[in-house]
């Protein structure tokens, strides 16, 4: 079978187009392309992840949360469903549930700077600033660019002086 006739290759190319539209902040085009993909291809974890990213941009927390749960079921070893699900819960003011979901995440996700960054944010919001700062330090050690993100993050206002000293 040639590459051009391989349906999985076509869906991968179309998903790359969706990602490109997303990165260019052309969200309507990304949605349009995703709708076309869904007409011809089964719902895969990659399609779900792109839908979640678009829904997060729209702040459609409930719908995105439902998809993160589907992603967790389809790929329980993939941390994306847990990290994004926790983010949705946090944005819905269910931060304790967000922390519990992060605790359920697979061990592999604990090598991801975003895991520790988000956990630090959630800990700060519930008032556990010591644990929050420990988590943030781990995230900064893994990805120094998160220091600048943290300086602007309203969830971390209580830690502003500590972050500024980084």
C-alpha atoms as a PDB file:
ATOM      1  CA  UNK A   1       0.000   0.000   0.000  1.00  0.00           C
ATOM      2  CA  UNK A   2       1.416   3.364  -0.932  1.00  0.00           C
ATOM      3  CA  UNK A   3       1.757   6.165   1.569  1.00  0.00           C
ATOM      4  CA  UNK A   4      -0.795   8.263  -0.305  1.00  0.00           C
ATOM      5  CA  UNK A   5      -3.442   5.550  -0.067  1.00  0.00           C
ATOM      6  CA  UNK A   6      -2.849   4.748   3.597  1.00  0.00           C
ATOM      7  CA  UNK A   7      -5.845   6.122   5.549  1.00  0.00           C
ATOM      8  CA  UNK A   8      -3.866   6.377   8.797  1.00  0.00           C
ATOM      9  CA  UNK A   9      -1.268   8.547   7.055  1.00  0.00           C
ATOM     10  CA  UNK A  10      -4.026  10.838   5.799  1.00  0.00           C
ATOM     11  CA  UNK A  11      -5.484  11.211   9.283  1.00  0.00           C
ATOM     12  CA  UNK A  12      -2.005  11.957  10.686  1.00  0.00           C
ATOM     13  CA  UNK A  13      -1.439  14.615   8.031  1.00  0.00           C
ATOM     14  CA  UNK A  14      -4.813  16.149   8.793  1.00  0.00           C
ATOM     15  CA  UNK A  15      -4.027  16.149  12.526  1.00  0.00           C
ATOM     16  CA  UNK A  16      -0.788  17.956  11.740  1.00  0.00           C
ATOM     17  CA  UNK A  17      -2.882  20.571   9.951  1.00  0.00           C
ATOM     18  CA  UNK A  18      -5.103  20.885  13.038  1.00  0.00           C
ATOM     19  CA  UNK A  19      -2.020  21.338  15.222  1.00  0.00           C
ATOM     20  CA  UNK A  20      -0.673  23.944  12.801  1.00  0.00           C
ATOM     21  CA  UNK A  21      -3.918  25.910  12.891  1.00  0.00           C
ATOM     22  CA  UNK A  22      -3.901  25.655  16.687  1.00  0.00           C
ATOM     23  CA  UNK A  23      -0.332  26.939  16.945  1.00  0.00           C
ATOM     24  CA  UNK A  24      -1.189  29.811  14.602  1.00  0.00           C
ATOM     25  CA  UNK A  25      -4.214  30.578  16.817  1.00  0.00           C
ATOM     26  CA  UNK A  26      -6.554  29.850  13.902  1.00  0.00           C
ATOM     27  CA  UNK A  27      -8.996  28.014  16.135  1.00  0.00           C
ATOM     28  CA  UNK A  28     -12.012  28.060  13.813  1.00  0.00           C
ATOM     29  CA  UNK A  29      -9.929  26.439  11.074  1.00  0.00           C
ATOM     30  CA  UNK A  30      -8.640  23.861  13.557  1.00  0.00           C
ATOM     31  CA  UNK A  31     -12.218  22.991  14.564  1.00  0.00           C
ATOM     32  CA  UNK A  32     -13.298  22.759  10.922  1.00  0.00           C
ATOM     33  CA  UNK A  33     -10.465  20.366  10.124  1.00  0.00           C
ATOM     34  CA  UNK A  34     -11.200  18.270  13.218  1.00  0.00           C
ATOM     35  CA  UNK A  35     -14.849  17.954  12.180  1.00  0.00           C
ATOM     36  CA  UNK A  36     -13.743  16.680   8.771  1.00  0.00           C
ATOM     37  CA  UNK A  37     -11.378  14.165  10.384  1.00  0.00           C
ATOM     38  CA  UNK A  38     -14.163  12.864  12.625  1.00  0.00           C
ATOM     39  CA  UNK A  39     -16.354  12.151   9.595  1.00  0.00           C
ATOM     40  CA  UNK A  40     -13.866   9.601   8.247  1.00  0.00           C
ATOM     41  CA  UNK A  41     -11.759   8.339  11.143  1.00  0.00           C
ATOM     42  CA  UNK A  42     -12.424   6.763  14.528  1.00  0.00           C
ATOM     43  CA  UNK A  43     -11.960   8.848  17.639  1.00  0.00           C
ATOM     44  CA  UNK A  44      -8.330   8.322  18.638  1.00  0.00           C
ATOM     45  CA  UNK A  45      -6.407   9.630  21.646  1.00  0.00           C
ATOM     46  CA  UNK A  46      -4.622  12.163  19.420  1.00  0.00           C
ATOM     47  CA  UNK A  47      -7.925  13.518  18.102  1.00  0.00           C
ATOM     48  CA  UNK A  48      -9.251  13.730  21.661  1.00  0.00           C
ATOM     49  CA  UNK A  49      -6.129  15.582  22.810  1.00  0.00           C
ATOM     50  CA  UNK A  50      -6.526  18.171  20.052  1.00  0.00           C
ATOM     51  CA  UNK A  51     -10.197  18.629  20.913  1.00  0.00           C
ATOM     52  CA  UNK A  52      -9.280  19.126  24.571  1.00  0.00           C
ATOM     53  CA  UNK A  53      -6.689  21.775  23.700  1.00  0.00           C
ATOM     54  CA  UNK A  54      -9.237  23.675  21.632  1.00  0.00           C
ATOM     55  CA  UNK A  55     -11.870  23.386  24.344  1.00  0.00           C
ATOM     56  CA  UNK A  56      -9.411  24.695  26.931  1.00  0.00           C
ATOM     57  CA  UNK A  57      -8.829  27.762  24.758  1.00  0.00           C
ATOM     58  CA  UNK A  58     -12.607  28.281  24.718  1.00  0.00           C
ATOM     59  CA  UNK A  59     -12.789  27.739  28.486  1.00  0.00           C
ATOM     60  CA  UNK A  60     -15.323  24.948  27.923  1.00  0.00           C
ATOM     61  CA  UNK A  61     -14.269  23.246  31.136  1.00  0.00           C
ATOM     62  CA  UNK A  62     -17.189  20.774  31.430  1.00  0.00           C
ATOM     63  CA  UNK A  63     -16.895  19.434  27.890  1.00  0.00           C
ATOM     64  CA  UNK A  64     -13.105  19.277  28.086  1.00  0.00           C
ATOM     65  CA  UNK A  65     -13.301  17.449  31.415  1.00  0.00           C
ATOM     66  CA  UNK A  66     -15.528  14.792  29.857  1.00  0.00           C
ATOM     67  CA  UNK A  67     -12.996  14.252  27.086  1.00  0.00           C
ATOM     68  CA  UNK A  68     -10.104  14.056  29.555  1.00  0.00           C
ATOM     69  CA  UNK A  69     -11.961  11.259  31.339  1.00  0.00           C
ATOM     70  CA  UNK A  70     -12.359   9.443  28.015  1.00  0.00           C
ATOM     71  CA  UNK A  71      -8.652   9.931  27.336  1.00  0.00           C
ATOM     72  CA  UNK A  72      -7.786   8.555  30.789  1.00  0.00           C
ATOM     73  CA  UNK A  73      -9.820   5.432  29.994  1.00  0.00           C
ATOM     74  CA  UNK A  74      -8.336   4.992  26.518  1.00  0.00           C
ATOM     75  CA  UNK A  75      -4.739   5.619  27.595  1.00  0.00           C
ATOM     76  CA  UNK A  76      -4.374   5.249  31.369  1.00  0.00           C
ATOM     77  CA  UNK A  77      -0.583   5.497  31.114  1.00  0.00           C
ATOM     78  CA  UNK A  78      -0.760   8.812  29.270  1.00  0.00           C
ATOM     79  CA  UNK A  79      -0.528  11.703  31.699  1.00  0.00           C
ATOM     80  CA  UNK A  80      -2.207  14.226  29.391  1.00  0.00           C
ATOM     81  CA  UNK A  81      -5.709  13.184  30.389  1.00  0.00           C
ATOM     82  CA  UNK A  82      -4.852  13.571  34.060  1.00  0.00           C
ATOM     83  CA  UNK A  83      -3.006  16.892  33.780  1.00  0.00           C
ATOM     84  CA  UNK A  84      -5.647  18.455  31.551  1.00  0.00           C
ATOM     85  CA  UNK A  85      -8.476  16.968  33.598  1.00  0.00           C
ATOM     86  CA  UNK A  86      -7.005  18.423  36.771  1.00  0.00           C
ATOM     87  CA  UNK A  87      -6.672  21.780  35.049  1.00  0.00           C
ATOM     88  CA  UNK A  88     -10.367  21.700  34.111  1.00  0.00           C
ATOM     89  CA  UNK A  89     -11.345  20.830  37.679  1.00  0.00           C
ATOM     90  CA  UNK A  90      -9.203  23.648  39.040  1.00  0.00           C
ATOM     91  CA  UNK A  91     -10.734  26.154  36.625  1.00  0.00           C
ATOM     92  CA  UNK A  92     -14.168  24.951  37.765  1.00  0.00           C
ATOM     93  CA  UNK A  93     -13.133  25.838  41.353  1.00  0.00           C
ATOM     94  CA  UNK A  94     -12.802  22.159  42.276  1.00  0.00           C
ATOM     95  CA  UNK A  95      -9.123  22.408  43.210  1.00  0.00           C
ATOM     96  CA  UNK A  96      -9.197  19.653  45.844  1.00  0.00           C
ATOM     97  CA  UNK A  97     -10.497  17.274  43.169  1.00  0.00           C
ATOM     98  CA  UNK A  98      -7.794  18.516  40.796  1.00  0.00           C
ATOM     99  CA  UNK A  99      -5.104  17.607  43.316  1.00  0.00           C
ATOM    100  CA  UNK A 100      -6.676  14.193  43.883  1.00  0.00           C
ATOM    101  CA  UNK A 101      -6.690  13.549  40.134  1.00  0.00           C
ATOM    102  CA  UNK A 102      -3.017  14.479  39.856  1.00  0.00           C
ATOM    103  CA  UNK A 103      -2.303  12.012  42.670  1.00  0.00           C
ATOM    104  CA  UNK A 104      -4.025   9.310  40.562  1.00  0.00           C
ATOM    105  CA  UNK A 105      -1.904  10.100  37.498  1.00  0.00           C
ATOM    106  CA  UNK A 106       0.519   7.446  36.279  1.00  0.00           C
ATOM    107  CA  UNK A 107       4.026   7.503  37.682  1.00  0.00           C
ATOM    108  CA  UNK A 108       5.385   8.464  34.254  1.00  0.00           C
ATOM    109  CA  UNK A 109       3.766  11.900  34.532  1.00  0.00           C
ATOM    110  CA  UNK A 110       5.972  12.790  37.475  1.00  0.00           C
ATOM    111  CA  UNK A 111       8.804  13.430  35.033  1.00  0.00           C
ATOM    112  CA  UNK A 112       6.775  16.239  33.455  1.00  0.00           C
ATOM    113  CA  UNK A 113       7.473  19.794  34.610  1.00  0.00           C
ATOM    114  CA  UNK A 114       3.835  20.767  34.015  1.00  0.00           C
ATOM    115  CA  UNK A 115       2.715  18.121  36.517  1.00  0.00           C
ATOM    116  CA  UNK A 116       4.716  19.814  39.271  1.00  0.00           C
ATOM    117  CA  UNK A 117       3.891  23.322  38.089  1.00  0.00           C
ATOM    118  CA  UNK A 118       0.151  22.689  38.135  1.00  0.00           C
ATOM    119  CA  UNK A 119       0.363  20.864  41.447  1.00  0.00           C
ATOM    120  CA  UNK A 120       2.214  23.872  42.856  1.00  0.00           C
ATOM    121  CA  UNK A 121      -0.488  26.218  41.593  1.00  0.00           C
ATOM    122  CA  UNK A 122      -3.263  24.138  43.108  1.00  0.00           C
ATOM    123  CA  UNK A 123      -1.427  23.820  46.442  1.00  0.00           C
ATOM    124  CA  UNK A 124      -0.963  27.604  46.520  1.00  0.00           C
ATOM    125  CA  UNK A 125      -4.666  28.169  45.881  1.00  0.00           C
ATOM    126  CA  UNK A 126      -5.686  25.947  48.788  1.00  0.00           C
ATOM    127  CA  UNK A 127      -3.150  27.676  51.040  1.00  0.00           C
ATOM    128  CA  UNK A 128      -0.381  25.067  51.345  1.00  0.00           C
ATOM    129  CA  UNK A 129       2.391  27.435  50.283  1.00  0.00           C
ATOM    130  CA  UNK A 130       5.292  25.265  51.483  1.00  0.00           C
ATOM    131  CA  UNK A 131       4.208  22.276  49.402  1.00  0.00           C
ATOM    132  CA  UNK A 132       3.374  24.654  46.548  1.00  0.00           C
ATOM    133  CA  UNK A 133       6.863  26.109  46.498  1.00  0.00           C
ATOM    134  CA  UNK A 134       8.480  22.658  46.704  1.00  0.00           C
ATOM    135  CA  UNK A 135       6.454  21.576  43.662  1.00  0.00           C
ATOM    136  CA  UNK A 136       7.315  24.752  41.791  1.00  0.00           C
ATOM    137  CA  UNK A 137      11.023  24.305  42.488  1.00  0.00           C
ATOM    138  CA  UNK A 138      10.838  20.819  40.942  1.00  0.00           C
ATOM    139  CA  UNK A 139       9.074  22.234  37.897  1.00  0.00           C
ATOM    140  CA  UNK A 140      11.663  25.032  37.534  1.00  0.00           C
ATOM    141  CA  UNK A 141      14.503  22.488  37.781  1.00  0.00           C
ATOM    142  CA  UNK A 142      12.915  20.577  34.894  1.00  0.00           C
ATOM    143  CA  UNK A 143      11.995  23.629  32.794  1.00  0.00           C
ATOM    144  CA  UNK A 144      13.428  27.041  33.676  1.00  0.00           C
ATOM    145  CA  UNK A 145      11.027  28.806  31.299  1.00  0.00           C
ATOM    146  CA  UNK A 146       8.262  28.122  33.819  1.00  0.00           C
ATOM    147  CA  UNK A 147       9.774  30.706  36.173  1.00  0.00           C
ATOM    148  CA  UNK A 148       8.602  33.503  33.871  1.00  0.00           C
ATOM    149  CA  UNK A 149       5.177  31.872  33.534  1.00  0.00           C
ATOM    150  CA  UNK A 150       4.922  31.613  37.323  1.00  0.00           C
ATOM    151  CA  UNK A 151       5.708  35.291  37.765  1.00  0.00           C
ATOM    152  CA  UNK A 152       2.544  36.151  35.807  1.00  0.00           C
ATOM    153  CA  UNK A 153       0.297  33.382  37.155  1.00  0.00           C
ATOM    154  CA  UNK A 154      -2.485  34.761  39.381  1.00  0.00           C
ATOM    155  CA  UNK A 155      -2.718  31.411  41.197  1.00  0.00           C
ATOM    156  CA  UNK A 156       0.796  32.037  42.493  1.00  0.00           C
ATOM    157  CA  UNK A 157       0.404  35.637  43.688  1.00  0.00           C
ATOM    158  CA  UNK A 158       0.947  34.489  47.281  1.00  0.00           C
ATOM    159  CA  UNK A 159       4.406  33.204  46.243  1.00  0.00           C
ATOM    160  CA  UNK A 160       5.414  36.183  44.111  1.00  0.00           C
ATOM    161  CA  UNK A 161       8.390  37.222  46.281  1.00  0.00           C
ATOM    162  CA  UNK A 162       9.727  33.657  46.450  1.00  0.00           C
ATOM    163  CA  UNK A 163       9.352  33.215  42.699  1.00  0.00           C
ATOM    164  CA  UNK A 164      10.995  36.559  41.943  1.00  0.00           C
ATOM    165  CA  UNK A 165      14.088  35.412  43.854  1.00  0.00           C
ATOM    166  CA  UNK A 166      14.501  32.458  41.468  1.00  0.00           C
END
